[in-house]
Amino acid sequence: MTSRKDIKSVVIVGGGTAGWISACHLAKKLNARTPQIQVMLVESPNIPTIGVGEGTVPMLRETLKYFGIREDDFIHRCDVTFKQSVKFIDWNEPNSGEYYHHLFDYPYFKDFTSTWLNKSLSDRGRYADLVSVQGHLIDAGFGPKAMTQPQYRGAMHYAYHLDAAKFTKLLTEFGVEQLGVKHLLAEVIDTKIDAQGNILELYTDNAGVLTADLYVDCTGFSAQLIGSACNVPFVDKSDILFVDSALVVQLPYEDKYTPIPCFTKSTAQEAGWIWDIGLSERRGVGYVYSSQYSSIEQAESVLREYLGKAAEEISFRHIPMKVGYREKSWQGNCVAIGLSSGFVEPLEATGLLMFDATARMLAECFPANTDVMPLVANRYNQRVSNAWNRVIDFIKLHYVTAKRMDTPFWVDNKNEISIPDSLKEHLELWRYHIPTAYDFTSTLEFFNLENYLYVLYGSDFESKLKMTLNDEEERLFSEMTDKLDKQVTLLKSQLLPHRELIERIKLYGIQLN
């Protein structure tokens, strides 16, 4: 029987966004303790960041504020633009240009969902446009905040588009200089494991032997610690989410006046979808597709057709992706965060979301000693596995509710065999009942009522809810739309076009309070 030992040191293996956001969360929380806990990050100087996507969700805004990073510094250094939604194009009808927004702002009038459902198709318009001002404003090209609004505040909820490599560099400098993270450049070449499956030592190529009380695996898809050393099985979910490959490219703008969309464009294709993200200096474009339904040659052809002349004489980077998650993200004294823990396609920027959320969870529930570590690990594993399954449900929802049926990829996505039972149950219920907050009871439901409302009714989910609207409900509905129209007009007079907003922030900064 081993004696109780206080946890005094953490070694994170692997850099990139996952490694450094983990380091910053741990250092921010643990260095406030007495005695402080040493946080070290060791990364190979030879492995580049994968950087599949460059989109985020609003949670990152709260994280950066919590860390103490200035928003204007982040925008200036990381080629940042604002993201207010994901715009789903051609998900219901190929090559139609039809779209819906999954907005980041909460619906102003979600209580009118039943009224909207009972309107005729010709009268009700897009769901998002009748419950929020945000879709109107981003389609008109406006940013989410005025120059008079302080750091991390806006007229509407927002996230960011960013350059992943520049963001990692910012986190590296901030973690080392402001939070006291010890940074080591070395290659971990071997791992020593004891009889109970705990990591005892890490052997490096140029820094000798490293030891710690807790190890964090941020080595990406290689899962060097949690997979290779600790032998934790990988739970494959490619039978639910078919997309497992990506072709990516970075492109300059035609000129410095090109408008920058304030949303991620997600355009459906024959075997997946194409993201198109506008940063301040360039675009990031990628086709994520299923290798079961398309060859790499066909995928390249699809992406070149989408890009047109911009694709002439350029090559794409190909990234294979493992879809699923580890059976346990915490085994013994090893915790996996980032791609080593799991991955699903970047449709809703779930990668960075999971990196950020699980890193903060680890910091918040960090075990005091080795006796309590198994209890903490068990709860952590339950929460993370549940979070992965709920994320998978939400991503699958987009494919199930999409109306496209023009290729085997889209047909098979609607096959009941590929739909999780939990999602099937929700969808059957929601045919007769509008979703409520009581359908989302976990504290780790990253996608909640509002997110589901935007996707369900944005894709015109078939509802069998029938009721007769009385005169009072019709009057209230009319008042609601008038109020929303006036708010749109007011905000258009107060906000700036997106590119102009970014340029002004870079010139003048953002006030603190």
Protein backbone atom coordinates (compact mmCIF):
# COMPACT_ATOMS: atom_id res chain seq x y z
CA MET A 1 0.00 0.00 0.00
CA THR A 2 1.47 3.36 -1.01
CA SER A 3 1.46 6.31 1.39
CA ARG A 4 -0.44 9.47 0.61
CA LYS A 5 1.53 12.03 -1.34
CA ASP A 6 0.62 15.64 -2.02
CA ILE A 7 0.47 16.68 -5.69
CA LYS A 8 3.21 19.26 -6.18
CA SER A 9 4.14 19.09 -9.87
CA VAL A 10 2.56 18.70 -13.31
CA VAL A 11 4.30 17.95 -16.59
CA ILE A 12 2.35 18.64 -19.81
CA VAL A 13 3.72 16.76 -22.81
CA GLY A 14 2.98 18.51 -26.10
CA GLY A 15 2.41 22.13 -27.05
CA GLY A 16 0.01 23.54 -29.60
CA THR A 17 -3.27 25.11 -28.58
CA ALA A 18 -4.31 22.21 -26.34
CA GLY A 19 -1.01 22.11 -24.48
CA TRP A 20 -0.73 25.81 -23.86
CA ILE A 21 -4.35 26.43 -22.96
CA SER A 22 -3.99 23.54 -20.46
CA ALA A 23 -0.79 25.06 -19.09
CA CYS A 24 -2.41 28.47 -18.66
CA HIS A 25 -5.51 27.06 -16.95
CA LEU A 26 -3.44 24.96 -14.55
CA ALA A 27 -0.93 27.70 -13.76
CA LYS A 28 -3.65 30.32 -13.29
CA LYS A 29 -5.51 28.15 -10.79
CA LEU A 30 -2.73 26.23 -9.06
CA ASN A 31 -0.22 29.05 -8.59
CA ALA A 32 -2.74 30.74 -6.32
CA ARG A 33 -2.31 27.85 -3.88
CA THR A 34 0.14 27.74 -0.98
CA PRO A 35 2.44 26.01 -1.60
CA GLN A 36 2.29 26.58 -5.32
CA ILE A 37 2.29 23.67 -7.76
CA GLN A 38 4.93 23.66 -10.48
CA VAL A 39 3.60 23.47 -14.04
CA MET A 40 6.04 22.47 -16.78
CA LEU A 41 5.33 22.04 -20.49
CA VAL A 42 7.71 19.99 -22.59
CA GLU A 43 7.26 20.00 -26.35
CA SER A 44 9.15 18.79 -29.37
CA PRO A 45 10.73 21.55 -31.46
CA ASN A 46 10.04 19.45 -34.57
CA ILE A 47 6.26 18.86 -34.52
CA PRO A 48 4.03 21.55 -36.08
CA THR A 49 0.55 22.43 -34.80
CA ILE A 50 -2.18 20.55 -36.70
CA GLY A 51 -4.63 23.47 -36.63
CA VAL A 52 -7.60 21.83 -38.40
CA GLY A 53 -9.91 24.79 -37.79
CA GLU A 54 -9.52 28.42 -36.86
CA GLY A 55 -12.97 29.06 -35.41
CA THR A 56 -13.98 29.35 -31.76
CA VAL A 57 -17.10 29.56 -29.60
CA PRO A 58 -18.04 32.32 -27.11
CA MET A 59 -16.53 30.38 -24.18
CA LEU A 60 -13.05 31.42 -25.36
CA ARG A 61 -13.93 35.05 -24.72
CA GLU A 62 -14.54 34.24 -21.06
CA THR A 63 -11.32 32.21 -20.88
CA LEU A 64 -9.13 35.00 -22.27
CA LYS A 65 -10.71 37.48 -19.85
CA TYR A 66 -10.13 35.04 -16.97
CA PHE A 67 -6.48 34.59 -17.93
CA GLY A 68 -5.97 38.35 -18.00
CA ILE A 69 -5.12 38.70 -21.70
CA ARG A 70 -6.19 42.01 -23.23
CA GLU A 71 -8.72 41.56 -26.01
CA ASP A 72 -7.15 44.19 -28.26
CA ASP A 73 -3.70 42.62 -27.85
CA PHE A 74 -5.16 39.23 -28.75
CA ILE A 75 -6.89 40.69 -31.83
CA HIS A 76 -3.75 42.48 -32.99
CA ARG A 77 -1.35 39.57 -32.51
CA CYS A 78 -3.44 36.62 -33.69
CA ASP A 79 -4.94 37.98 -36.95
CA VAL A 80 -8.32 37.85 -35.18
CA THR A 81 -11.74 38.66 -36.57
CA PHE A 82 -15.11 38.34 -34.89
CA LYS A 83 -17.38 35.33 -35.31
CA GLN A 84 -21.08 35.69 -34.56
CA SER A 85 -22.49 32.53 -36.12
CA VAL A 86 -22.02 29.53 -38.35
CA LYS A 87 -23.82 30.07 -41.64
CA PHE A 88 -25.01 26.75 -43.09
CA ILE A 89 -25.26 27.02 -46.87
CA ASP A 90 -26.76 24.38 -49.21
CA TRP A 91 -27.44 21.93 -46.38
CA ASN A 92 -31.03 21.54 -47.52
CA GLU A 93 -30.71 21.90 -51.28
CA PRO A 94 -27.46 21.55 -53.28
CA ASN A 95 -26.20 24.64 -55.14
CA SER A 96 -29.22 26.67 -54.06
CA GLY A 97 -27.53 29.29 -51.91
CA GLU A 98 -30.23 28.67 -49.28
CA TYR A 99 -28.88 29.10 -45.75
CA TYR A 100 -29.60 29.40 -42.06
CA HIS A 101 -27.58 30.83 -39.18
CA HIS A 102 -26.63 29.15 -35.93
CA LEU A 103 -26.31 32.42 -34.03
CA PHE A 104 -24.30 33.07 -30.87
CA ASP A 105 -26.77 35.57 -29.46
CA TYR A 106 -29.56 34.15 -27.34
CA PRO A 107 -32.98 34.32 -29.02
CA TYR A 108 -34.78 37.45 -27.88
CA PHE A 109 -38.19 35.90 -28.46
CA LYS A 110 -37.78 32.13 -28.18
CA ASP A 111 -41.14 31.95 -26.42
CA PHE A 112 -42.65 32.71 -29.83
CA THR A 113 -41.30 29.50 -31.36
CA SER A 114 -44.73 27.87 -31.33
CA THR A 115 -46.23 30.95 -33.00
CA TRP A 116 -43.53 30.84 -35.69
CA LEU A 117 -44.16 27.12 -36.28
CA ASN A 118 -47.83 27.77 -36.89
CA LYS A 119 -47.23 30.45 -39.47
CA SER A 120 -47.39 29.59 -43.13
CA LEU A 121 -44.03 28.97 -44.80
CA SER A 122 -44.41 32.11 -46.89
CA ASP A 123 -45.13 34.34 -43.87
CA ARG A 124 -42.70 33.22 -41.20
CA GLY A 125 -39.28 33.75 -42.83
CA ARG A 126 -36.07 32.36 -41.32
CA TYR A 127 -36.35 31.29 -37.69
CA ALA A 128 -33.18 33.11 -36.62
CA ASP A 129 -34.35 36.36 -38.24
CA LEU A 130 -37.58 36.32 -36.27
CA VAL A 131 -36.09 35.63 -32.84
CA SER A 132 -32.87 37.68 -32.94
CA VAL A 133 -31.38 40.82 -34.49
CA GLN A 134 -28.00 39.17 -35.00
CA GLY A 135 -28.64 37.43 -38.32
CA HIS A 136 -29.88 40.69 -39.87
CA LEU A 137 -26.77 42.56 -38.73
CA ILE A 138 -24.15 40.01 -39.76
CA ASP A 139 -25.74 39.53 -43.18
CA ALA A 140 -25.44 43.32 -43.54
CA GLY A 141 -21.74 43.09 -42.64
CA PHE A 142 -21.68 44.60 -39.14
CA GLY A 143 -19.37 43.64 -36.29
CA PRO A 144 -20.71 42.72 -32.83
CA LYS A 145 -19.48 45.66 -30.77
CA ALA A 146 -19.06 49.42 -30.84
CA MET A 147 -15.71 51.11 -30.23
CA THR A 148 -17.14 52.59 -27.03
CA GLN A 149 -17.73 49.14 -25.53
CA PRO A 150 -15.00 47.79 -23.23
CA GLN A 151 -12.86 44.67 -23.44
CA TYR A 152 -14.88 41.47 -24.06
CA ARG A 153 -18.21 43.33 -24.15
CA GLY A 154 -20.45 43.73 -27.17
CA ALA A 155 -23.90 44.55 -28.44
CA MET A 156 -24.25 40.82 -29.22
CA HIS A 157 -22.57 37.59 -28.14
CA TYR A 158 -19.54 36.69 -30.20
CA ALA A 159 -16.51 34.45 -30.55
CA TYR A 160 -13.45 34.74 -32.80
CA HIS A 161 -11.68 33.51 -35.89
CA LEU A 162 -7.95 33.29 -35.28
CA ASP A 163 -4.59 32.13 -36.59
CA ALA A 164 -3.95 28.98 -34.53
CA ALA A 165 -0.15 29.22 -34.74
CA LYS A 166 -0.12 32.87 -33.64
CA PHE A 167 -2.58 32.09 -30.85
CA THR A 168 -0.32 29.31 -29.57
CA LYS A 169 2.62 31.72 -29.56
CA LEU A 170 0.61 34.26 -27.57
CA LEU A 171 -0.40 31.63 -25.01
CA THR A 172 3.21 30.42 -24.79
CA GLU A 173 4.56 33.87 -23.98
CA PHE A 174 1.74 34.67 -21.58
CA GLY A 175 2.01 31.32 -19.81
CA VAL A 176 5.77 31.61 -19.30
CA GLU A 177 6.05 35.34 -18.55
CA GLN A 178 2.84 36.01 -16.64
CA LEU A 179 1.80 32.67 -15.15
CA GLY A 180 5.17 31.07 -14.43
CA VAL A 181 4.90 27.99 -16.66
CA LYS A 182 8.28 26.32 -17.13
CA HIS A 183 8.89 25.68 -20.85
CA LEU A 184 11.19 22.94 -22.10
CA LEU A 185 12.01 22.06 -25.71
CA ALA A 186 12.75 18.34 -25.86
CA GLU A 187 11.51 15.14 -27.43
CA VAL A 188 9.96 12.56 -25.11
CA ILE A 189 11.34 9.30 -26.44
CA ASP A 190 10.22 6.76 -23.82
CA THR A 191 8.02 6.35 -20.75
CA LYS A 192 8.44 4.23 -17.62
CA ILE A 193 5.24 2.76 -16.16
CA ASP A 194 4.82 1.04 -12.78
CA ALA A 195 2.83 -2.14 -12.06
CA GLN A 196 -0.34 -0.12 -11.33
CA GLY A 197 -0.15 1.66 -14.69
CA ASN A 198 1.09 5.00 -13.35
CA ILE A 199 3.76 6.98 -15.17
CA LEU A 200 7.01 7.08 -13.20
CA GLU A 201 9.43 8.81 -15.56
CA LEU A 202 9.69 10.42 -18.98
CA TYR A 203 12.92 9.99 -20.93
CA THR A 204 13.87 12.83 -23.27
CA ASP A 205 16.44 13.25 -26.01
CA ASN A 206 18.25 16.27 -24.54
CA ALA A 207 16.77 17.10 -21.14
CA GLY A 208 17.38 13.88 -19.24
CA VAL A 209 14.67 12.24 -17.13
CA LEU A 210 11.52 14.17 -16.19
CA THR A 211 9.26 13.28 -13.26
CA ALA A 212 6.01 14.71 -11.95
CA ASP A 213 3.06 13.83 -9.74
CA LEU A 214 0.61 14.27 -12.62
CA TYR A 215 1.16 14.08 -16.38
CA VAL A 216 -1.01 15.73 -19.03
CA ASP A 217 -0.97 14.23 -22.52
CA CYS A 218 -1.34 16.89 -25.22
CA THR A 219 0.51 14.95 -27.92
CA GLY A 220 -2.32 15.05 -30.44
CA PHE A 221 -3.55 12.06 -32.41
CA SER A 222 -0.39 10.10 -31.48
CA ALA A 223 -1.64 9.97 -27.84
CA GLN A 224 1.89 9.17 -26.73
CA LEU A 225 1.08 8.83 -23.03
CA ILE A 226 -2.60 7.90 -22.69
CA GLY A 227 -2.57 5.58 -25.70
CA SER A 228 0.90 4.18 -26.30
CA ALA A 229 2.13 4.14 -22.68
CA CYS A 230 -1.07 3.69 -20.65
CA ASN A 231 -2.91 1.57 -23.26
CA VAL A 232 -6.29 3.29 -22.85
CA PRO A 233 -8.54 2.12 -25.73
CA PHE A 234 -9.96 4.53 -28.30
CA VAL A 235 -13.75 4.54 -28.76
CA ASP A 236 -14.33 4.89 -32.51
CA LYS A 237 -17.38 6.98 -33.51
CA SER A 238 -16.93 6.97 -37.28
CA ASP A 239 -20.12 4.92 -37.57
CA ILE A 240 -22.01 8.03 -36.39
CA LEU A 241 -19.92 10.90 -37.76
CA PHE A 242 -18.58 9.95 -41.18
CA VAL A 243 -16.27 12.92 -41.82
CA ASP A 244 -12.67 11.80 -41.19
CA SER A 245 -10.41 13.78 -43.56
CA ALA A 246 -9.61 17.40 -44.34
CA LEU A 247 -8.00 19.35 -47.16
CA VAL A 248 -6.90 22.81 -46.00
CA VAL A 249 -5.39 25.91 -47.59
CA GLN A 250 -4.66 29.54 -46.71
CA LEU A 251 -5.42 32.23 -49.28
CA PRO A 252 -4.73 35.98 -49.44
CA TYR A 253 -7.52 38.48 -50.06
CA GLU A 254 -7.83 40.03 -53.50
CA ASP A 255 -7.27 43.46 -51.91
CA LYS A 256 -7.26 45.11 -48.50
CA TYR A 257 -10.84 46.35 -48.95
CA THR A 258 -12.44 42.92 -49.31
CA PRO A 259 -15.29 42.64 -46.75
CA ILE A 260 -14.69 40.08 -44.01
CA PRO A 261 -17.68 37.90 -43.09
CA CYS A 262 -18.50 37.97 -39.39
CA PHE A 263 -19.38 34.27 -39.42
CA THR A 264 -17.95 30.91 -40.44
CA LYS A 265 -19.28 29.83 -43.81
CA SER A 266 -20.15 26.13 -43.89
CA THR A 267 -21.12 25.07 -47.40
CA ALA A 268 -22.39 21.51 -47.86
CA GLN A 269 -20.78 19.35 -50.56
CA GLU A 270 -21.27 15.84 -51.92
CA ALA A 271 -19.31 14.07 -49.14
CA GLY A 272 -18.95 16.69 -46.42
CA TRP A 273 -18.72 20.47 -46.19
CA ILE A 274 -16.32 23.35 -46.80
CA TRP A 275 -15.45 25.91 -44.14
CA ASP A 276 -14.47 29.41 -45.21
CA ILE A 277 -13.06 31.65 -42.48
CA GLY A 278 -12.01 35.25 -42.95
CA LEU A 279 -9.11 36.46 -40.83
CA SER A 280 -7.89 40.05 -41.01
CA GLU A 281 -5.05 39.28 -43.44
CA ARG A 282 -6.19 36.09 -45.21
CA ARG A 283 -8.81 33.38 -45.58
CA GLY A 284 -8.60 29.89 -44.17
CA VAL A 285 -10.52 27.34 -46.25
CA GLY A 286 -10.92 23.60 -45.79
CA TYR A 287 -12.97 20.73 -47.13
CA VAL A 288 -13.80 18.17 -44.46
CA TYR A 289 -15.12 15.00 -46.03
CA SER A 290 -15.62 11.28 -45.52
CA SER A 291 -13.04 8.96 -47.04
CA GLN A 292 -15.80 6.32 -47.27
CA TYR A 293 -17.68 8.45 -49.78
CA SER A 294 -14.94 10.34 -51.63
CA SER A 295 -11.40 9.78 -52.83
CA ILE A 296 -8.78 12.41 -52.09
CA GLU A 297 -8.66 13.21 -55.82
CA GLN A 298 -12.41 13.85 -55.93
CA ALA A 299 -12.20 15.91 -52.74
CA GLU A 300 -9.48 18.08 -54.29
CA SER A 301 -11.65 18.58 -57.35
CA VAL A 302 -14.59 19.71 -55.18
CA LEU A 303 -12.44 22.18 -53.27
CA ARG A 304 -10.86 23.60 -56.43
CA GLU A 305 -14.28 24.12 -57.96
CA TYR A 306 -15.39 25.98 -54.82
CA LEU A 307 -12.32 28.23 -54.85
CA GLY A 308 -12.37 28.96 -58.58
CA LYS A 309 -9.42 31.01 -59.87
CA ALA A 310 -7.99 31.29 -56.36
CA ALA A 311 -7.16 27.56 -56.50
CA GLU A 312 -4.89 27.78 -59.54
CA GLU A 313 -1.36 26.48 -58.93
CA ILE A 314 -1.83 25.87 -55.21
CA SER A 315 -1.56 22.65 -53.23
CA PHE A 316 -3.65 21.52 -50.29
CA ARG A 317 -2.55 20.05 -46.99
CA HIS A 318 -4.23 16.71 -46.27
CA ILE A 319 -5.11 15.82 -42.67
CA PRO A 320 -6.55 12.43 -41.68
CA MET A 321 -8.69 12.57 -38.53
CA LYS A 322 -9.53 9.96 -35.90
CA VAL A 323 -13.19 10.37 -34.93
CA GLY A 324 -14.03 9.37 -31.37
CA TYR A 325 -12.59 9.61 -27.87
CA ARG A 326 -10.58 7.68 -25.29
CA GLU A 327 -12.46 5.21 -23.11
CA LYS A 328 -10.95 7.14 -20.21
CA SER A 329 -9.35 10.56 -20.46
CA TRP A 330 -7.77 10.10 -17.01
CA GLN A 331 -5.90 6.88 -16.31
CA GLY A 332 -3.77 6.60 -13.18
CA ASN A 333 -1.70 9.78 -13.01
CA CYS A 334 -2.13 10.65 -16.70
CA VAL A 335 -4.79 12.99 -18.11
CA ALA A 336 -5.36 13.40 -21.85
CA ILE A 337 -6.49 16.79 -23.17
CA GLY A 338 -6.90 17.80 -26.79
CA LEU A 339 -6.66 15.42 -29.73
CA SER A 340 -5.12 12.74 -27.50
CA SER A 341 -8.43 12.69 -25.59
CA GLY A 342 -10.72 12.77 -28.61
CA PHE A 343 -11.85 14.54 -31.73
CA VAL A 344 -14.95 15.08 -33.81
CA GLU A 345 -15.11 17.12 -36.97
CA PRO A 346 -14.76 20.93 -36.67
CA LEU A 347 -18.35 21.75 -37.69
CA GLU A 348 -19.11 23.80 -34.55
CA ALA A 349 -15.50 24.47 -33.44
CA THR A 350 -15.84 21.65 -30.93
CA GLY A 351 -12.10 20.92 -30.83
CA LEU A 352 -11.00 24.11 -29.11
CA LEU A 353 -14.20 24.08 -27.05
CA MET A 354 -13.33 20.67 -25.57
CA PHE A 355 -9.65 21.62 -25.07
CA ASP A 356 -10.67 24.72 -23.15
CA ALA A 357 -13.49 23.19 -21.11
CA THR A 358 -11.64 20.04 -20.04
CA ALA A 359 -8.46 21.96 -19.18
CA ARG A 360 -10.44 24.28 -16.93
CA MET A 361 -12.27 21.31 -15.39
CA LEU A 362 -8.93 19.68 -14.58
CA ALA A 363 -7.67 22.88 -12.97
CA GLU A 364 -10.86 23.37 -10.95
CA CYS A 365 -11.06 19.80 -9.63
CA PHE A 366 -7.30 19.26 -9.31
CA PRO A 367 -6.60 16.53 -6.70
CA ALA A 368 -4.82 17.53 -3.51
CA ASN A 369 -3.07 14.17 -3.08
CA THR A 370 -2.66 10.66 -4.44
CA ASP A 371 -5.34 9.20 -2.13
CA VAL A 372 -8.10 11.33 -3.62
CA MET A 373 -6.83 11.19 -7.20
CA PRO A 374 -8.78 8.02 -8.19
CA LEU A 375 -12.04 9.61 -6.97
CA VAL A 376 -11.36 12.82 -8.89
CA ALA A 377 -10.34 10.82 -11.97
CA ASN A 378 -13.53 8.73 -11.90
CA ARG A 379 -15.77 11.81 -11.80
CA TYR A 380 -13.68 13.55 -14.45
CA ASN A 381 -13.97 10.56 -16.78
CA GLN A 382 -17.73 10.38 -16.38
CA ARG A 383 -18.14 14.08 -17.15
CA VAL A 384 -15.79 14.08 -20.13
CA SER A 385 -17.33 10.95 -21.70
CA ASN A 386 -20.79 12.45 -21.28
CA ALA A 387 -19.58 15.72 -22.83
CA TRP A 388 -18.15 13.90 -25.85
CA ASN A 389 -21.41 12.01 -26.41
CA ARG A 390 -23.50 15.18 -26.16
CA VAL A 391 -21.19 16.95 -28.62
CA ILE A 392 -21.51 13.99 -31.01
CA ASP A 393 -25.31 14.18 -30.72
CA PHE A 394 -25.30 17.87 -31.59
CA ILE A 395 -23.00 17.48 -34.59
CA LYS A 396 -25.03 14.52 -35.88
CA LEU A 397 -28.19 16.63 -35.53
CA HIS A 398 -27.02 18.86 -38.39
CA TYR A 399 -26.83 15.91 -40.79
CA VAL A 400 -30.04 14.25 -39.65
CA THR A 401 -32.13 17.42 -40.02
CA ALA A 402 -30.51 18.51 -43.31
CA LYS A 403 -32.79 17.98 -46.29
CA ARG A 404 -30.08 16.97 -48.78
CA MET A 405 -30.54 13.50 -50.24
CA ASP A 406 -28.51 13.87 -53.45
CA THR A 407 -25.57 11.58 -52.61
CA PRO A 408 -25.03 8.38 -50.56
CA PHE A 409 -23.20 10.45 -47.90
CA TRP A 410 -26.32 12.48 -47.11
CA VAL A 411 -28.70 9.54 -47.43
CA ASP A 412 -26.66 7.32 -45.12
CA ASN A 413 -26.35 10.06 -42.50
CA LYS A 414 -30.10 9.76 -41.99
CA ASN A 415 -30.04 5.99 -41.63
CA GLU A 416 -31.31 5.16 -38.14
CA ILE A 417 -28.39 2.77 -37.61
CA SER A 418 -26.03 5.76 -37.58
CA ILE A 419 -28.10 7.92 -35.19
CA PRO A 420 -27.40 7.62 -31.42
CA ASP A 421 -30.39 6.47 -29.37
CA SER A 422 -30.21 9.61 -27.24
CA LEU A 423 -30.61 11.81 -30.31
CA LYS A 424 -33.38 9.62 -31.75
CA GLU A 425 -35.32 9.97 -28.52
CA HIS A 426 -34.98 13.75 -28.54
CA LEU A 427 -36.04 14.07 -32.16
CA GLU A 428 -39.10 11.90 -31.68
CA LEU A 429 -40.14 13.98 -28.67
CA TRP A 430 -39.49 17.25 -30.48
CA ARG A 431 -41.80 16.31 -33.33
CA TYR A 432 -44.64 16.91 -30.89
CA HIS A 433 -43.07 19.22 -28.31
CA ILE A 434 -40.86 22.29 -28.62
CA PRO A 435 -37.51 21.72 -26.86
CA THR A 436 -37.24 23.18 -23.35
CA ALA A 437 -34.38 23.80 -20.93
CA TYR A 438 -35.44 20.64 -19.08
CA ASP A 439 -34.18 18.58 -22.03
CA PHE A 440 -30.63 19.71 -21.17
CA THR A 441 -29.89 18.84 -17.57
CA SER A 442 -26.12 18.26 -17.45
CA THR A 443 -23.80 21.04 -16.34
CA LEU A 444 -21.52 19.98 -19.18
CA GLU A 445 -24.04 20.36 -21.98
CA PHE A 446 -21.90 22.58 -24.20
CA PHE A 447 -24.78 22.92 -26.64
CA ASN A 448 -28.04 23.79 -24.96
CA LEU A 449 -31.60 24.80 -25.75
CA GLU A 450 -30.78 27.87 -27.83
CA ASN A 451 -28.23 26.00 -29.98
CA TYR A 452 -30.72 23.24 -30.74
CA LEU A 453 -33.49 25.72 -31.55
CA TYR A 454 -31.34 27.49 -34.15
CA VAL A 455 -30.31 24.25 -35.88
CA LEU A 456 -33.65 22.44 -35.65
CA TYR A 457 -35.76 25.25 -37.00
CA GLY A 458 -33.05 26.71 -39.19
CA SER A 459 -33.14 23.42 -41.09
CA ASP A 460 -36.98 23.46 -40.96
CA PHE A 461 -37.27 20.39 -38.75
CA GLU A 462 -40.64 18.73 -39.29
CA SER A 463 -42.86 19.50 -36.34
CA LYS A 464 -46.25 17.89 -35.85
CA LEU A 465 -47.20 20.48 -33.27
CA LYS A 466 -50.52 21.97 -34.36
CA MET A 467 -52.48 24.64 -32.61
CA THR A 468 -54.74 27.51 -33.53
CA LEU A 469 -53.36 31.00 -32.95
CA ASN A 470 -55.79 33.43 -31.33
CA ASP A 471 -55.95 37.13 -32.06
CA GLU A 472 -53.88 38.04 -29.00
CA GLU A 473 -51.03 35.73 -30.05
CA GLU A 474 -51.12 37.19 -33.56
CA ARG A 475 -50.97 40.70 -32.10
CA LEU A 476 -48.03 39.87 -29.84
CA PHE A 477 -46.21 38.24 -32.74
CA SER A 478 -46.67 41.36 -34.84
CA GLU A 479 -45.46 43.57 -31.98
CA MET A 480 -42.43 41.35 -31.56
CA THR A 481 -41.39 41.64 -35.20
CA ASP A 482 -41.87 45.44 -35.13
CA LYS A 483 -39.74 45.70 -31.99
CA LEU A 484 -37.02 43.56 -33.55
CA ASP A 485 -37.00 45.66 -36.76
CA LYS A 486 -36.54 48.85 -34.71
CA GLN A 487 -33.68 47.28 -32.76
CA VAL A 488 -31.96 46.26 -36.01
CA THR A 489 -32.26 49.84 -37.32
CA LEU A 490 -30.87 51.27 -34.07
CA LEU A 491 -27.87 48.91 -33.96
CA LYS A 492 -27.02 49.58 -37.61
CA SER A 493 -26.60 53.25 -36.62
CA GLN A 494 -24.28 52.32 -33.72
CA LEU A 495 -22.10 49.52 -35.13
CA LEU A 496 -19.30 49.49 -37.70
CA PRO A 497 -18.73 47.25 -40.72
CA HIS A 498 -16.67 44.27 -39.60
CA ARG A 499 -13.40 45.07 -41.39
CA GLU A 500 -13.54 48.71 -40.27
CA LEU A 501 -14.12 47.61 -36.67
CA ILE A 502 -11.05 45.34 -36.74
CA GLU A 503 -8.89 48.06 -38.28
CA ARG A 504 -9.96 50.63 -35.71
CA ILE A 505 -9.29 48.24 -32.83
CA LYS A 506 -5.77 47.68 -34.16
CA LEU A 507 -5.22 51.45 -34.40
CA TYR A 508 -6.83 52.63 -31.18
CA GLY A 509 -7.27 49.58 -28.96
CA ILE A 510 -10.28 48.83 -26.75
CA GLN A 511 -11.04 50.65 -23.51
CA LEU A 512 -10.68 48.64 -20.32
CA ASN A 513 -13.95 49.56 -18.58
